[in-house]
């Protein structure tokens, strides 16, 4: 979904979300967050520059180090010397590495062209910060994407952010969950064969259902626990 320019009243200023930015939100957990981040970069970066925003300097360092095992990245935050910050920014501009993991020190006032993807690894403190972070992409008439990572306990905050900024997120599944779903399909197919032998009905049919969480904001698909085994004359439900 491409978001048109939206205006958000933040403080004494009118904050405007850049045109041409696709906004996504993905549900994750504390334990899966790092894996989901790596998958999002792989699937959505499309070879361009990426900025990942964290809340703390410690997390910026941690995430950068964790990513370096598979993706070239550097950290940027207030505890880094001015000289090192300039070296890091120059290296990022020149394409020596593709992922900059930063605190909000990089959300405004920095000239970093051709950023194709912004990932909010942690929720911003307010709408103004969200707009400035996301505004690192989609600059000078170019298109870009911004992905918000959140946990189930932060769902209300995400809705509030939509209202304050005047935007809508497209809720997506994390690549890791999609891979897990594919594994479940394989597992269910094996169970189908075993069940056919046990009940002596090789022509039985099993229907599996996917369902979203009832609150309607989860982007992740989960197996529904209900399915039907259909025999030639006697349906058995809820097996």
Protein backbone atom coordinates (compact mmCIF):
# COMPACT_ATOMS: atom_id res chain seq x y z
CA UNK A 1 0.00 0.00 0.00
CA UNK A 2 1.45 3.34 -1.02
CA UNK A 3 0.64 6.03 1.50
CA UNK A 4 -0.24 9.48 0.24
CA UNK A 5 1.17 12.48 2.03
CA UNK A 6 -0.48 12.63 5.42
CA UNK A 7 -0.30 15.46 7.89
CA UNK A 8 0.05 14.89 11.62
CA UNK A 9 -0.24 17.63 14.21
CA UNK A 10 2.79 17.00 16.42
CA UNK A 11 3.73 19.62 18.95
CA UNK A 12 3.73 23.05 17.30
CA UNK A 13 4.60 21.73 13.84
CA UNK A 14 2.78 19.98 11.03
CA UNK A 15 4.64 16.75 10.39
CA UNK A 16 4.15 15.33 6.93
CA UNK A 17 4.79 11.73 5.95
CA UNK A 18 6.54 11.61 2.59
CA UNK A 19 4.60 10.49 -0.44
CA UNK A 20 5.37 7.12 -1.99
CA UNK A 21 6.26 5.30 1.23
CA UNK A 22 4.76 1.86 1.71
CA UNK A 23 3.97 1.24 5.37
CA UNK A 24 4.00 -2.27 6.80
CA UNK A 25 3.61 -3.70 10.30
CA UNK A 26 4.66 -7.15 11.43
CA UNK A 27 3.93 -8.93 14.69
CA UNK A 28 6.87 -10.58 16.40
CA UNK A 29 8.10 -11.74 19.80
CA UNK A 30 11.14 -10.91 21.89
CA UNK A 31 12.69 -14.29 21.10
CA UNK A 32 12.04 -14.26 17.35
CA UNK A 33 12.75 -10.57 16.74
CA UNK A 34 16.32 -10.93 15.50
CA UNK A 35 15.45 -13.74 13.11
CA UNK A 36 12.44 -11.84 11.78
CA UNK A 37 14.59 -8.74 11.25
CA UNK A 38 17.09 -10.67 9.13
CA UNK A 39 14.28 -12.17 7.07
CA UNK A 40 12.64 -8.78 6.53
CA UNK A 41 15.91 -7.32 5.29
CA UNK A 42 16.37 -10.22 2.90
CA UNK A 43 12.81 -10.03 1.54
CA UNK A 44 12.17 -6.28 1.43
CA UNK A 45 15.52 -4.53 0.95
CA UNK A 46 15.84 -5.40 -2.75
CA UNK A 47 19.53 -4.56 -2.75
CA UNK A 48 19.16 -0.99 -1.46
CA UNK A 49 20.30 0.76 1.69
CA UNK A 50 18.50 -0.03 4.95
CA UNK A 51 18.28 1.86 8.25
CA UNK A 52 17.17 -0.10 11.33
CA UNK A 53 16.07 2.07 14.26
CA UNK A 54 16.46 0.97 17.86
CA UNK A 55 15.58 2.77 21.09
CA UNK A 56 18.90 2.36 22.92
CA UNK A 57 22.59 2.54 22.09
CA UNK A 58 23.09 -0.90 23.57
CA UNK A 59 20.48 -2.42 21.27
CA UNK A 60 22.00 -0.67 18.26
CA UNK A 61 25.34 -2.31 19.01
CA UNK A 62 23.76 -5.68 19.74
CA UNK A 63 21.61 -5.78 16.59
CA UNK A 64 24.48 -4.61 14.39
CA UNK A 65 26.81 -7.31 15.72
CA UNK A 66 24.13 -9.99 15.33
CA UNK A 67 23.44 -8.95 11.74
CA UNK A 68 27.11 -8.85 10.78
CA UNK A 69 27.21 -12.65 10.77
CA UNK A 70 25.14 -12.61 7.57
CA UNK A 71 24.64 -8.98 6.49
CA UNK A 72 27.21 -6.16 6.39
CA UNK A 73 26.13 -3.58 8.98
CA UNK A 74 27.39 -0.84 11.30
CA UNK A 75 25.97 0.89 14.38
CA UNK A 76 25.46 4.62 14.81
CA UNK A 77 24.61 6.30 18.12
CA UNK A 78 25.59 9.08 20.50
CA UNK A 79 28.39 7.18 22.25
CA UNK A 80 30.37 6.87 19.03
CA UNK A 81 32.96 9.59 18.46
CA UNK A 82 32.27 12.25 15.86
CA UNK A 83 35.18 11.02 13.76
CA UNK A 84 33.90 7.44 13.78
CA UNK A 85 30.35 8.59 13.06
CA UNK A 86 31.56 10.40 9.95
CA UNK A 87 33.50 7.33 8.81
CA UNK A 88 30.42 5.17 9.35
CA UNK A 89 28.12 7.54 7.47
CA UNK A 90 30.57 7.89 4.58
CA UNK A 91 30.91 4.13 4.33
CA UNK A 92 27.12 3.78 4.29
CA UNK A 93 26.71 6.43 1.59
CA UNK A 94 29.39 4.76 -0.53
CA UNK A 95 27.77 1.34 -0.21
CA UNK A 96 30.58 -0.31 1.76
CA UNK A 97 27.86 -1.85 3.91
CA UNK A 98 24.10 -1.95 3.36
CA UNK A 99 22.55 -1.80 6.85
CA UNK A 100 22.89 1.07 9.32
CA UNK A 101 21.57 0.24 12.80
CA UNK A 102 20.94 3.50 14.59
CA UNK A 103 19.23 5.25 17.46
CA UNK A 104 17.12 8.31 16.72
CA UNK A 105 20.32 10.31 16.23
CA UNK A 106 19.94 9.29 12.57
CA UNK A 107 16.23 10.11 12.27
CA UNK A 108 16.76 13.71 11.20
CA UNK A 109 19.38 16.14 9.96
CA UNK A 110 21.52 13.55 8.16
CA UNK A 111 21.99 13.50 4.40
CA UNK A 112 21.73 9.82 3.48
CA UNK A 113 20.45 9.38 -0.09
CA UNK A 114 18.94 6.26 -1.64
CA UNK A 115 17.64 4.59 1.51
CA UNK A 116 15.07 2.11 0.22
CA UNK A 117 13.93 0.58 3.51
CA UNK A 118 13.46 1.75 7.09
CA UNK A 119 12.75 -0.80 9.83
CA UNK A 120 11.45 0.28 13.23
CA UNK A 121 13.02 -2.52 15.25
CA UNK A 122 11.48 -0.90 18.31
CA UNK A 123 8.44 1.35 18.39
CA UNK A 124 9.13 5.09 18.30
CA UNK A 125 8.21 7.14 21.36
CA UNK A 126 5.73 9.30 19.47
CA UNK A 127 4.26 10.13 16.08
CA UNK A 128 6.85 12.81 15.36
CA UNK A 129 9.70 10.34 15.78
CA UNK A 130 7.91 7.83 13.56
CA UNK A 131 7.53 10.41 10.80
CA UNK A 132 11.18 11.47 11.02
CA UNK A 133 12.45 7.88 11.08
CA UNK A 134 10.26 6.81 8.16
CA UNK A 135 11.24 9.97 6.31
CA UNK A 136 14.76 8.63 5.80
CA UNK A 137 13.29 6.75 2.83
CA UNK A 138 11.03 7.91 0.02
CA UNK A 139 13.02 11.13 -0.40
CA UNK A 140 13.33 13.38 -3.46
CA UNK A 141 10.30 11.81 -5.12
CA UNK A 142 11.61 8.26 -4.80
CA UNK A 143 9.63 5.35 -3.41
CA UNK A 144 10.52 3.52 -0.23
CA UNK A 145 9.19 1.21 2.47
CA UNK A 146 8.97 1.43 6.25
CA UNK A 147 8.26 -1.63 8.42
CA UNK A 148 7.11 -1.41 12.04
CA UNK A 149 7.92 -4.39 14.27
CA UNK A 150 5.64 -4.81 17.30
CA UNK A 151 4.60 -7.38 19.89
CA UNK A 152 1.06 -8.38 20.83
CA UNK A 153 1.21 -6.17 23.92
CA UNK A 154 1.90 -3.17 21.66
CA UNK A 155 -1.13 -3.56 19.39
CA UNK A 156 -2.95 -0.61 20.93
CA UNK A 157 0.11 1.59 20.48
CA UNK A 158 0.22 0.70 16.79
CA UNK A 159 -3.43 1.72 16.35
CA UNK A 160 -2.78 4.97 18.20
CA UNK A 161 0.17 5.65 15.92
CA UNK A 162 -2.04 5.18 12.87
CA UNK A 163 -4.50 7.71 14.25
CA UNK A 164 -1.88 10.27 15.25
CA UNK A 165 0.00 10.13 11.94
CA UNK A 166 -3.11 9.67 9.79
CA UNK A 167 -1.84 6.56 8.02
CA UNK A 168 -2.68 2.90 7.62
CA UNK A 169 -0.28 -0.03 7.93
CA UNK A 170 -0.46 -3.11 5.80
CA UNK A 171 -0.16 -5.96 8.28
CA UNK A 172 2.14 -8.65 6.94
CA UNK A 173 3.33 -12.07 8.03
CA UNK A 174 6.94 -12.51 8.94
CA UNK A 175 8.86 -14.73 6.51
CA UNK A 176 9.74 -17.05 9.41
CA UNK A 177 6.06 -17.70 10.19
CA UNK A 178 5.29 -18.33 6.53
CA UNK A 179 8.07 -20.91 6.41
CA UNK A 180 6.65 -22.49 9.57
CA UNK A 181 3.21 -22.69 7.96
CA UNK A 182 4.69 -24.51 4.98
CA UNK A 183 6.29 -26.99 7.37
CA UNK A 184 2.93 -27.50 9.06
CA UNK A 185 1.35 -28.30 5.70
CA UNK A 186 3.90 -31.04 5.16
CA UNK A 187 3.28 -32.33 8.69
CA UNK A 188 -0.49 -32.42 8.17
CA UNK A 189 -0.09 -34.34 4.92
CA UNK A 190 1.88 -37.00 6.77
CA UNK A 191 -0.84 -37.18 9.43
CA UNK A 192 -3.41 -37.58 6.68
CA UNK A 193 -1.72 -40.74 5.41
CA UNK A 194 -1.38 -42.20 8.91
CA UNK A 195 -5.00 -41.42 9.78
CA UNK A 196 -6.20 -43.03 6.55
CA UNK A 197 -4.53 -46.29 7.52
CA UNK A 198 -5.81 -46.19 11.10
CA UNK A 199 -9.45 -45.71 10.20
CA UNK A 200 -9.30 -47.93 7.13
CA UNK A 201 -10.60 -45.28 4.76
CA UNK A 202 -7.96 -44.35 2.18
CA UNK A 203 -10.43 -42.08 0.38
CA UNK A 204 -11.09 -39.87 3.41
CA UNK A 205 -10.72 -36.14 2.99
CA UNK A 206 -9.24 -33.69 5.50
CA UNK A 207 -9.92 -29.98 5.26
CA UNK A 208 -7.60 -27.62 7.10
CA UNK A 209 -8.50 -24.04 7.85
CA UNK A 210 -6.32 -20.98 8.39
CA UNK A 211 -7.57 -18.18 10.63
CA UNK A 212 -6.48 -14.73 11.70
CA UNK A 213 -6.59 -13.76 15.35
CA UNK A 214 -10.06 -12.42 16.31
CA UNK A 215 -8.92 -8.87 16.99
CA UNK A 216 -8.22 -8.48 13.28
CA UNK A 217 -4.85 -6.76 13.40
CA UNK A 218 -2.52 -9.73 13.39
CA UNK A 219 -0.76 -10.17 10.08
CA UNK A 220 0.28 -13.73 10.86
CA UNK A 221 -1.68 -16.76 9.75
CA UNK A 222 -2.21 -19.55 12.26
CA UNK A 223 -3.60 -23.05 11.89
CA UNK A 224 -7.18 -23.21 13.08
CA UNK A 225 -7.65 -26.16 15.46
CA UNK A 226 -10.84 -27.31 13.74
CA UNK A 227 -10.96 -29.62 10.77
CA UNK A 228 -13.33 -32.24 9.38
CA UNK A 229 -12.66 -35.82 8.41
CA UNK A 230 -15.21 -36.88 5.81
CA UNK A 231 -15.95 -40.58 5.33
CA UNK A 232 -18.19 -42.05 2.67
CA UNK A 233 -21.25 -42.07 4.95
CA UNK A 234 -20.39 -40.83 8.45
CA UNK A 235 -18.66 -37.45 8.94
CA UNK A 236 -16.56 -37.19 12.09
CA UNK A 237 -16.15 -33.61 13.24
CA UNK A 238 -13.49 -32.06 15.45
CA UNK A 239 -11.08 -35.00 15.21
